[in-house]
C-alpha atoms as a PDB file:
ATOM      1  CA  MET A   1      -0.294  -0.111   0.157  1.00  0.00           C
ATOM      2  CA  ASN A   2       2.365   2.689   0.792  1.00  0.00           C
ATOM      3  CA  THR A   3       4.404   1.793  -2.042  1.00  0.00           C
ATOM      4  CA  ALA A   4       1.588   2.451  -4.026  1.00  0.00           C
ATOM      5  CA  ILE A   5       1.176   6.055  -2.454  1.00  0.00           C
ATOM      6  CA  ALA A   6       4.635   6.503  -3.075  1.00  0.00           C
ATOM      7  CA  ARG A   7       4.381   5.598  -6.640  1.00  0.00           C
ATOM      8  CA  ILE A   8       1.066   7.613  -7.306  1.00  0.00           C
ATOM      9  CA  SER A   9       3.168  10.516  -5.501  1.00  0.00           C
ATOM     10  CA  ALA A  10       6.379  10.469  -7.659  1.00  0.00           C
ATOM     11  CA  PHE A  11       4.434  10.474 -10.687  1.00  0.00           C
ATOM     12  CA  MET A  12       2.062  13.653  -9.811  1.00  0.00           C
ATOM     13  CA  ILE A  13       4.823  15.006  -8.802  1.00  0.00           C
ATOM     14  CA  PHE A  14       6.763  14.289 -11.802  1.00  0.00           C
ATOM     15  CA  SER A  15       3.990  15.254 -14.433  1.00  0.00           C
ATOM     16  CA  ALA A  16       3.453  18.666 -12.660  1.00  0.00           C
ATOM     17  CA  ALA A  17       7.049  19.215 -13.418  1.00  0.00           C
ATOM     18  CA  PHE A  18       6.607  18.827 -16.816  1.00  0.00           C
ATOM     19  CA  ALA A  19       2.986  20.475 -17.182  1.00  0.00           C
ATOM     20  CA  ALA A  20       4.026  23.505 -15.949  1.00  0.00           C
ATOM     21  CA  ASN A  21       6.075  24.710 -18.626  1.00  0.00           C
ATOM     22  CA  ALA A  22       4.224  22.764 -21.007  1.00  0.00           C
ATOM     23  CA  GLU A  23       1.814  24.129 -24.258  1.00  0.00           C
ATOM     24  CA  TYR A  24      -0.806  21.239 -24.863  1.00  0.00           C
ATOM     25  CA  ARG A  25      -0.541  20.467 -28.561  1.00  0.00           C
ATOM     26  CA  CYS A  26      -3.359  18.105 -28.841  1.00  0.00           C
ATOM     27  CA  ASN A  27      -6.543  19.953 -28.316  1.00  0.00           C
ATOM     28  CA  PRO A  28      -6.668  20.100 -31.503  1.00  0.00           C
ATOM     29  CA  PRO A  29      -3.162  18.949 -32.831  1.00  0.00           C
ATOM     30  CA  MET A  30      -1.865  21.756 -34.803  1.00  0.00           C
ATOM     31  CA  THR A  31       0.632  19.483 -37.230  1.00  0.00           C
ATOM     32  CA  VAL A  32       1.103  15.850 -38.429  1.00  0.00           C
ATOM     33  CA  ASN A  33       3.791  15.028 -35.723  1.00  0.00           C
ATOM     34  CA  ASP A  34       1.544  16.831 -33.624  1.00  0.00           C
ATOM     35  CA  ARG A  35      -1.339  14.564 -34.607  1.00  0.00           C
ATOM     36  CA  LEU A  36       1.103  10.941 -34.476  1.00  0.00           C
ATOM     37  CA  ALA A  37       2.387  12.386 -30.775  1.00  0.00           C
ATOM     38  CA  CYS A  38      -1.284  12.717 -29.091  1.00  0.00           C
ATOM     39  CA  GLU A  39      -1.861   9.308 -30.594  1.00  0.00           C
ATOM     40  CA  ALA A  40       1.198   7.764 -28.966  1.00  0.00           C
ATOM     41  CA  ALA A  41      -0.012   9.884 -25.826  1.00  0.00           C
ATOM     42  CA  GLN A  42      -3.725   7.503 -26.296  1.00  0.00           C
ATOM     43  CA  GLN A  43      -1.538   4.882 -26.152  1.00  0.00           C
ATOM     44  CA  GLY A  44       0.565   5.771 -22.866  1.00  0.00           C
ATOM     45  CA  PRO A  45       3.783   7.464 -21.391  1.00  0.00           C
ATOM     46  CA  GLU A  46       6.000   4.103 -23.146  1.00  0.00           C
ATOM     47  CA  ALA A  47       4.701   4.764 -26.697  1.00  0.00           C
ATOM     48  CA  LEU A  48       4.965   8.759 -25.971  1.00  0.00           C
ATOM     49  CA  ARG A  49       8.441   8.723 -24.787  1.00  0.00           C
ATOM     50  CA  ARG A  50       9.483   6.210 -27.911  1.00  0.00           C
ATOM     51  CA  PHE A  51       8.169   8.713 -30.255  1.00  0.00           C
ATOM     52  CA  VAL A  52       9.466  11.701 -28.798  1.00  0.00           C
ATOM     53  CA  SER A  53      12.991  10.206 -28.606  1.00  0.00           C
ATOM     54  CA  ARG A  54      12.613   9.231 -32.087  1.00  0.00           C
ATOM     55  CA  TRP A  55      11.678  12.453 -33.759  1.00  0.00           C
ATOM     56  CA  ASP A  56      14.637  14.556 -31.430  1.00  0.00           C
ATOM     57  CA  GLN A  57      17.483  12.234 -33.327  1.00  0.00           C
ATOM     58  CA  GLN A  58      15.862  13.365 -36.303  1.00  0.00           C
ATOM     59  CA  MET A  59      16.036  17.144 -34.853  1.00  0.00           C
ATOM     60  CA  ALA A  60      12.232  18.100 -34.850  1.00  0.00           C
ATOM     61  CA  SER A  61      11.290  19.802 -31.660  1.00  0.00           C
ATOM     62  CA  LEU A  62       8.403  17.359 -29.940  1.00  0.00           C
ATOM     63  CA  PHE A  63       8.780  17.932 -25.962  1.00  0.00           C
ATOM     64  CA  PHE A  64       7.516  15.005 -23.615  1.00  0.00           C
ATOM     65  CA  ALA A  65       5.337  17.714 -21.905  1.00  0.00           C
ATOM     66  CA  ASP A  66       3.480  18.900 -24.346  1.00  0.00           C
ATOM     67  CA  TYR A  67       1.267  16.395 -25.306  1.00  0.00           C
ATOM     68  CA  VAL A  68       0.175  15.620 -21.922  1.00  0.00           C
ATOM     69  CA  ASP A  69      -2.387  17.035 -19.893  1.00  0.00           C
ATOM     70  CA  ASP A  70      -4.394  16.392 -16.473  1.00  0.00           C
ATOM     71  CA  GLN A  71      -6.977  13.856 -18.606  1.00  0.00           C
ATOM     72  CA  THR A  72      -4.360  11.775 -19.995  1.00  0.00           C
ATOM     73  CA  LEU A  73      -2.279  11.678 -16.945  1.00  0.00           C
ATOM     74  CA  LYS A  74      -5.944  10.318 -14.901  1.00  0.00           C
ATOM     75  CA  ASN A  75      -5.996   8.039 -18.088  1.00  0.00           C
ATOM     76  CA  TRP A  76      -2.833   6.850 -17.736  1.00  0.00           C
ATOM     77  CA  GLU A  77      -2.722   5.908 -13.820  1.00  0.00           C
ATOM     78  CA  THR A  78      -6.050   4.351 -14.447  1.00  0.00           C
ATOM     79  CA  ARG A  79      -4.650   1.771 -16.745  1.00  0.00           C
ATOM     80  CA  ARG A  80      -1.672   1.119 -14.624  1.00  0.00           C
ATOM     81  CA  MET A  81      -3.025   0.757 -11.724  1.00  0.00           C
ATOM     82  CA  ALA A  82      -5.815  -2.019 -13.945  1.00  0.00           C
ATOM     83  CA  ALA A  83      -2.836  -3.315 -15.182  1.00  0.00           C
ATOM     84  CA  GLU A  84      -1.685  -3.877 -11.641  1.00  0.00           C
ATOM     85  CA  GLN A  85      -4.916  -5.155 -10.172  1.00  0.00           C
ATOM     86  CA  THR A  86      -5.407  -7.614 -12.592  1.00  0.00           C
ATOM     87  CA  LYS A  87      -1.817  -8.967 -12.432  1.00  0.00           C
ATOM     88  CA  ASP A  88      -2.254  -9.278  -8.382  1.00  0.00           C
ATOM     89  CA  GLU A  89      -5.416 -11.246  -9.499  1.00  0.00           C
ATOM     90  CA  THR A  90      -3.839 -13.839 -11.819  1.00  0.00           C
ATOM     91  CA  ALA A  91      -0.832 -14.019  -9.879  1.00  0.00           C
ATOM     92  CA  PRO A  92      -0.482 -17.320  -7.926  1.00  0.00           C
ATOM     93  CA  GLN A  93      -1.585 -18.136  -3.991  1.00  0.00           C
ATOM     94  CA  VAL A  94       1.647 -18.950  -2.410  1.00  0.00           C
ATOM     95  CA  ALA A  95       0.772 -20.895   0.834  1.00  0.00           C
ATOM     96  CA  SER A  96       2.678 -20.193   3.910  1.00  0.00           C
ATOM     97  CA  ASN A  97       3.908 -21.481   7.481  1.00  0.00           C
ATOM     98  CA  GLU A  98       1.721 -18.930   9.599  1.00  0.00           C
ATOM     99  CA  ARG A  99      -0.534 -20.025  11.709  1.00  0.00           C
ATOM    100  CA  HIS A 100      -3.685 -18.833  12.211  1.00  0.00           C
END
């Protein structure tokens, strides 16, 4: 439980730092690169990070934070929590030697 709270807190602080200087470009996307970056953002933070990194190597000025808003962050967090819950439910139950 404490680990989950720490992760969520760190994620929110990290995202707030990015959002402070960002100009949200997905409402509506202005260029083809913006549209593609917004589509990557809908897939998740890793997809967006890969997309931005790939374009940065080609001298395009794309910034991760420009394609993330509060709703995007909420969607990512909801998906992450659902994935963790699914992982916990499918994890094998291990017997313990603890007395009841």
